[in-house]
Amino acid sequence: MNLHSQSILLVEDNDDDADLAVMAFRRAKLANPLVRVRDGAEALDYLFGRGQHADKSAIDLPAVVLLDMKLPKLNGVEVLKAIRADERTKRLPVVILTSSNEDRDRLGAYDHFANSYVLKPVDYDQFVAAALQLGLYWMVLNVPPPQPG
C-alpha cells in the first residue's frame, strides 16, 4: 500500500486541539488524509471496522495513530491495550500525543508498547514544527513492519 494514501488517525476529544492538529498537518504539507475520532471507543470502532465505521475495512489501517491519553469512554491506555491485543493491529504504530506529562500516563503508555510519547506543544508554531517532525518520521523515514501474508 502506498504510504501517502494511508491515513493518519487522530484520536482527540478536544475540538481546539484537533483543529490545531489539522492546521499543523496542512501547514506541514503532509499528503496523507487525517481522520479524526473523538473518543477511545470510536477509535477502536474505526480500527476494527465496526459501529459507525462498519463500512470501513478492518484491514485498511492507518499508517500511524496519534492517541491522546485523556479521552471519554476509553482512555488512551485502554485503547492502546486493545490495539496491542489484536493480531491485526498489534504492530500498528501508536504515538501518544498528549498534554499529560504525568509519570503514571507515560508508564502506562510505554508498558503497553506505545511507539512514542510526545507532549503537545502549547504554542502554534511549536505544534506545527512537532507535526512536521512526526509526519516526516512516521510517513517518510519509518519503515513499517511487513504485512502478514
C-alpha atoms as a PDB file:
ATOM      1  CA  MET A   1       0.000   0.000   0.000  1.00  0.00           C
ATOM      2  CA  ASN A   2       1.220   3.487  -0.833  1.00  0.00           C
ATOM      3  CA  LEU A   3       2.142   5.246   2.404  1.00  0.00           C
ATOM      4  CA  HIS A   4       0.816   8.560   1.025  1.00  0.00           C
ATOM      5  CA  SER A   5      -2.652   7.067   0.673  1.00  0.00           C
ATOM      6  CA  GLN A   6      -2.704   5.683   4.202  1.00  0.00           C
ATOM      7  CA  SER A   7      -4.489   7.852   6.701  1.00  0.00           C
ATOM      8  CA  ILE A   8      -3.230   9.253   9.966  1.00  0.00           C
ATOM      9  CA  LEU A   9      -5.724   8.522  12.737  1.00  0.00           C
ATOM     10  CA  LEU A  10      -6.043  11.359  15.246  1.00  0.00           C
ATOM     11  CA  VAL A  11      -7.820  10.321  18.453  1.00  0.00           C
ATOM     12  CA  GLU A  12      -8.627  13.634  20.121  1.00  0.00           C
ATOM     13  CA  ASP A  13     -11.687  14.759  22.079  1.00  0.00           C
ATOM     14  CA  ASN A  14     -10.746  18.447  22.338  1.00  0.00           C
ATOM     15  CA  ASP A  15     -12.004  20.366  19.287  1.00  0.00           C
ATOM     16  CA  ASP A  16      -9.425  23.146  19.666  1.00  0.00           C
ATOM     17  CA  ASP A  17      -6.530  20.665  19.832  1.00  0.00           C
ATOM     18  CA  ALA A  18      -7.949  18.719  16.880  1.00  0.00           C
ATOM     19  CA  ASP A  19      -8.333  21.904  14.807  1.00  0.00           C
ATOM     20  CA  LEU A  20      -4.781  22.878  15.701  1.00  0.00           C
ATOM     21  CA  ALA A  21      -3.540  19.444  14.626  1.00  0.00           C
ATOM     22  CA  VAL A  22      -5.406  19.654  11.312  1.00  0.00           C
ATOM     23  CA  MET A  23      -3.963  23.124  10.609  1.00  0.00           C
ATOM     24  CA  ALA A  24      -0.496  21.971  11.636  1.00  0.00           C
ATOM     25  CA  PHE A  25      -0.563  18.917   9.364  1.00  0.00           C
ATOM     26  CA  ARG A  26      -1.832  21.049   6.455  1.00  0.00           C
ATOM     27  CA  ARG A  27       0.912  23.581   7.052  1.00  0.00           C
ATOM     28  CA  ALA A  28       3.446  20.739   7.245  1.00  0.00           C
ATOM     29  CA  LYS A  29       2.136  19.646   3.796  1.00  0.00           C
ATOM     30  CA  LEU A  30       1.551  16.008   4.687  1.00  0.00           C
ATOM     31  CA  ALA A  31      -0.215  14.305   1.781  1.00  0.00           C
ATOM     32  CA  ASN A  32      -1.890  11.679   3.960  1.00  0.00           C
ATOM     33  CA  PRO A  33      -5.534  12.139   4.892  1.00  0.00           C
ATOM     34  CA  LEU A  34      -6.088  12.925   8.564  1.00  0.00           C
ATOM     35  CA  VAL A  35      -9.035  11.089  10.119  1.00  0.00           C
ATOM     36  CA  ARG A  36     -10.240  12.341  13.479  1.00  0.00           C
ATOM     37  CA  VAL A  37     -12.266  10.395  16.030  1.00  0.00           C
ATOM     38  CA  ARG A  38     -13.430  11.899  19.325  1.00  0.00           C
ATOM     39  CA  ASP A  39     -13.127   9.126  21.910  1.00  0.00           C
ATOM     40  CA  GLY A  40     -11.459   5.826  22.665  1.00  0.00           C
ATOM     41  CA  ALA A  41     -14.460   3.679  21.747  1.00  0.00           C
ATOM     42  CA  GLU A  42     -14.774   5.345  18.333  1.00  0.00           C
ATOM     43  CA  ALA A  43     -11.042   4.844  17.763  1.00  0.00           C
ATOM     44  CA  LEU A  44     -11.442   1.091  18.210  1.00  0.00           C
ATOM     45  CA  ASP A  45     -14.594   1.069  16.060  1.00  0.00           C
ATOM     46  CA  TYR A  46     -12.632   2.819  13.312  1.00  0.00           C
ATOM     47  CA  LEU A  47      -9.647   0.476  13.559  1.00  0.00           C
ATOM     48  CA  PHE A  48     -11.743  -2.691  13.676  1.00  0.00           C
ATOM     49  CA  GLY A  49     -14.413  -1.621  11.172  1.00  0.00           C
ATOM     50  CA  ARG A  50     -17.420  -1.769  13.476  1.00  0.00           C
ATOM     51  CA  GLY A  51     -20.193   0.501  14.791  1.00  0.00           C
ATOM     52  CA  GLN A  52     -20.468   3.709  12.776  1.00  0.00           C
ATOM     53  CA  HIS A  53     -17.325   2.621  10.887  1.00  0.00           C
ATOM     54  CA  ALA A  54     -18.711  -0.798   9.880  1.00  0.00           C
ATOM     55  CA  ASP A  55     -18.448   0.200   6.192  1.00  0.00           C
ATOM     56  CA  LYS A  56     -14.637   0.549   6.541  1.00  0.00           C
ATOM     57  CA  SER A  57     -12.488  -2.498   6.000  1.00  0.00           C
ATOM     58  CA  ALA A  58     -10.684  -3.572   9.177  1.00  0.00           C
ATOM     59  CA  ILE A  59      -7.589  -4.324   7.086  1.00  0.00           C
ATOM     60  CA  ASP A  60      -7.445  -0.710   5.850  1.00  0.00           C
ATOM     61  CA  LEU A  61      -5.341   0.532   8.754  1.00  0.00           C
ATOM     62  CA  PRO A  62      -3.858   3.991   9.194  1.00  0.00           C
ATOM     63  CA  ALA A  63      -0.117   4.485   8.839  1.00  0.00           C
ATOM     64  CA  VAL A  64       0.039   5.788  12.407  1.00  0.00           C
ATOM     65  CA  VAL A  65      -2.325   6.517  15.291  1.00  0.00           C
ATOM     66  CA  LEU A  66      -1.910   9.779  17.210  1.00  0.00           C
ATOM     67  CA  LEU A  67      -3.568   8.981  20.509  1.00  0.00           C
ATOM     68  CA  ASP A  68      -4.486  11.358  23.320  1.00  0.00           C
ATOM     69  CA  MET A  69      -4.345   9.946  26.855  1.00  0.00           C
ATOM     70  CA  LYS A  70      -7.333  11.716  28.419  1.00  0.00           C
ATOM     71  CA  LEU A  71     -10.334  10.542  26.400  1.00  0.00           C
ATOM     72  CA  PRO A  72     -14.018   9.879  27.077  1.00  0.00           C
ATOM     73  CA  LYS A  73     -15.382   6.307  27.109  1.00  0.00           C
ATOM     74  CA  LEU A  74     -11.967   4.586  26.932  1.00  0.00           C
ATOM     75  CA  ASN A  75      -8.736   6.337  27.898  1.00  0.00           C
ATOM     76  CA  GLY A  76      -5.536   6.180  25.875  1.00  0.00           C
ATOM     77  CA  VAL A  77      -4.079   3.244  27.792  1.00  0.00           C
ATOM     78  CA  GLU A  78      -7.280   1.216  27.332  1.00  0.00           C
ATOM     79  CA  VAL A  79      -7.234   1.937  23.592  1.00  0.00           C
ATOM     80  CA  LEU A  80      -3.557   1.012  23.403  1.00  0.00           C
ATOM     81  CA  LYS A  81      -4.187  -2.277  25.256  1.00  0.00           C
ATOM     82  CA  ALA A  82      -6.930  -3.202  22.772  1.00  0.00           C
ATOM     83  CA  ILE A  83      -4.733  -2.297  19.795  1.00  0.00           C
ATOM     84  CA  ARG A  84      -1.841  -4.400  21.084  1.00  0.00           C
ATOM     85  CA  ALA A  85      -4.126  -7.346  21.981  1.00  0.00           C
ATOM     86  CA  ASP A  86      -5.429  -7.799  18.424  1.00  0.00           C
ATOM     87  CA  GLU A  87      -3.375  -9.650  15.810  1.00  0.00           C
ATOM     88  CA  ARG A  88      -4.440  -7.199  13.070  1.00  0.00           C
ATOM     89  CA  THR A  89      -3.240  -4.096  14.924  1.00  0.00           C
ATOM     90  CA  LYS A  90      -0.587  -5.223  17.386  1.00  0.00           C
ATOM     91  CA  ARG A  91       2.237  -3.748  15.285  1.00  0.00           C
ATOM     92  CA  LEU A  92       0.378  -0.573  14.294  1.00  0.00           C
ATOM     93  CA  PRO A  93       2.498   2.485  15.151  1.00  0.00           C
ATOM     94  CA  VAL A  94       0.868   4.381  18.026  1.00  0.00           C
ATOM     95  CA  VAL A  95       2.204   7.751  19.090  1.00  0.00           C
ATOM     96  CA  ILE A  96       0.815   9.223  22.275  1.00  0.00           C
ATOM     97  CA  LEU A  97       0.183  12.916  21.549  1.00  0.00           C
ATOM     98  CA  THR A  98      -0.992  14.436  24.790  1.00  0.00           C
ATOM     99  CA  SER A  99      -0.724  17.331  27.194  1.00  0.00           C
ATOM    100  CA  SER A 100      -0.278  14.904  30.100  1.00  0.00           C
ATOM    101  CA  ASN A 101       3.228  14.717  31.490  1.00  0.00           C
ATOM    102  CA  GLU A 102       2.157  12.539  34.423  1.00  0.00           C
ATOM    103  CA  ASP A 103       4.513   9.662  35.231  1.00  0.00           C
ATOM    104  CA  ARG A 104       1.527   7.303  35.501  1.00  0.00           C
ATOM    105  CA  ASP A 105       0.425   8.108  31.941  1.00  0.00           C
ATOM    106  CA  ARG A 106       3.920   7.795  30.468  1.00  0.00           C
ATOM    107  CA  LEU A 107       4.499   4.480  32.233  1.00  0.00           C
ATOM    108  CA  GLY A 108       1.100   3.165  31.150  1.00  0.00           C
ATOM    109  CA  ALA A 109       1.799   4.118  27.550  1.00  0.00           C
ATOM    110  CA  TYR A 110       5.227   2.509  27.427  1.00  0.00           C
ATOM    111  CA  ASP A 111       4.134  -0.527  29.465  1.00  0.00           C
ATOM    112  CA  HIS A 112       1.607  -1.196  26.681  1.00  0.00           C
ATOM    113  CA  PHE A 113       4.103  -0.659  23.888  1.00  0.00           C
ATOM    114  CA  ALA A 114       3.410   2.851  22.667  1.00  0.00           C
ATOM    115  CA  ASN A 115       5.931   3.651  19.957  1.00  0.00           C
ATOM    116  CA  SER A 116       6.474   7.180  21.203  1.00  0.00           C
ATOM    117  CA  TYR A 117       5.196   9.683  23.753  1.00  0.00           C
ATOM    118  CA  VAL A 118       5.026  13.297  22.582  1.00  0.00           C
ATOM    119  CA  LEU A 119       3.863  16.244  24.661  1.00  0.00           C
ATOM    120  CA  LYS A 120       1.588  18.606  22.749  1.00  0.00           C
ATOM    121  CA  PRO A 121       3.296  21.938  22.371  1.00  0.00           C
ATOM    122  CA  VAL A 122       1.033  24.757  23.537  1.00  0.00           C
ATOM    123  CA  ASP A 123       2.437  27.281  21.043  1.00  0.00           C
ATOM    124  CA  TYR A 124       1.055  27.015  17.480  1.00  0.00           C
ATOM    125  CA  ASP A 125       4.436  27.325  15.732  1.00  0.00           C
ATOM    126  CA  GLN A 126       5.956  24.693  18.013  1.00  0.00           C
ATOM    127  CA  PHE A 127       2.938  22.446  17.368  1.00  0.00           C
ATOM    128  CA  VAL A 128       3.418  22.834  13.593  1.00  0.00           C
ATOM    129  CA  ALA A 129       7.115  22.016  13.973  1.00  0.00           C
ATOM    130  CA  ALA A 130       6.280  18.934  16.040  1.00  0.00           C
ATOM    131  CA  ALA A 131       3.638  17.842  13.491  1.00  0.00           C
ATOM    132  CA  LEU A 132       6.158  18.239  10.700  1.00  0.00           C
ATOM    133  CA  GLN A 133       8.711  16.129  12.561  1.00  0.00           C
ATOM    134  CA  LEU A 134       6.123  13.470  13.433  1.00  0.00           C
ATOM    135  CA  GLY A 135       4.888  13.394   9.849  1.00  0.00           C
ATOM    136  CA  LEU A 136       8.352  13.168   8.352  1.00  0.00           C
ATOM    137  CA  TYR A 137       9.402  10.450  10.730  1.00  0.00           C
ATOM    138  CA  TRP A 138       6.304   8.222  10.614  1.00  0.00           C
ATOM    139  CA  MET A 139       5.314   8.798   6.987  1.00  0.00           C
ATOM    140  CA  VAL A 140       8.732   9.089   5.311  1.00  0.00           C
ATOM    141  CA  LEU A 141      11.575   7.717   7.441  1.00  0.00           C
ATOM    142  CA  ASN A 142       9.980   4.889   9.418  1.00  0.00           C
ATOM    143  CA  VAL A 143       9.926   1.506   7.703  1.00  0.00           C
ATOM    144  CA  PRO A 144       6.707  -0.258   8.751  1.00  0.00           C
ATOM    145  CA  PRO A 145       6.571  -3.966   9.574  1.00  0.00           C
ATOM    146  CA  PRO A 146       5.758  -6.273   6.662  1.00  0.00           C
ATOM    147  CA  GLN A 147       2.101  -7.029   6.055  1.00  0.00           C
ATOM    148  CA  PRO A 148       1.075 -10.503   7.212  1.00  0.00           C
ATOM    149  CA  GLY A 149       0.902 -12.734   4.193  1.00  0.00           C
END
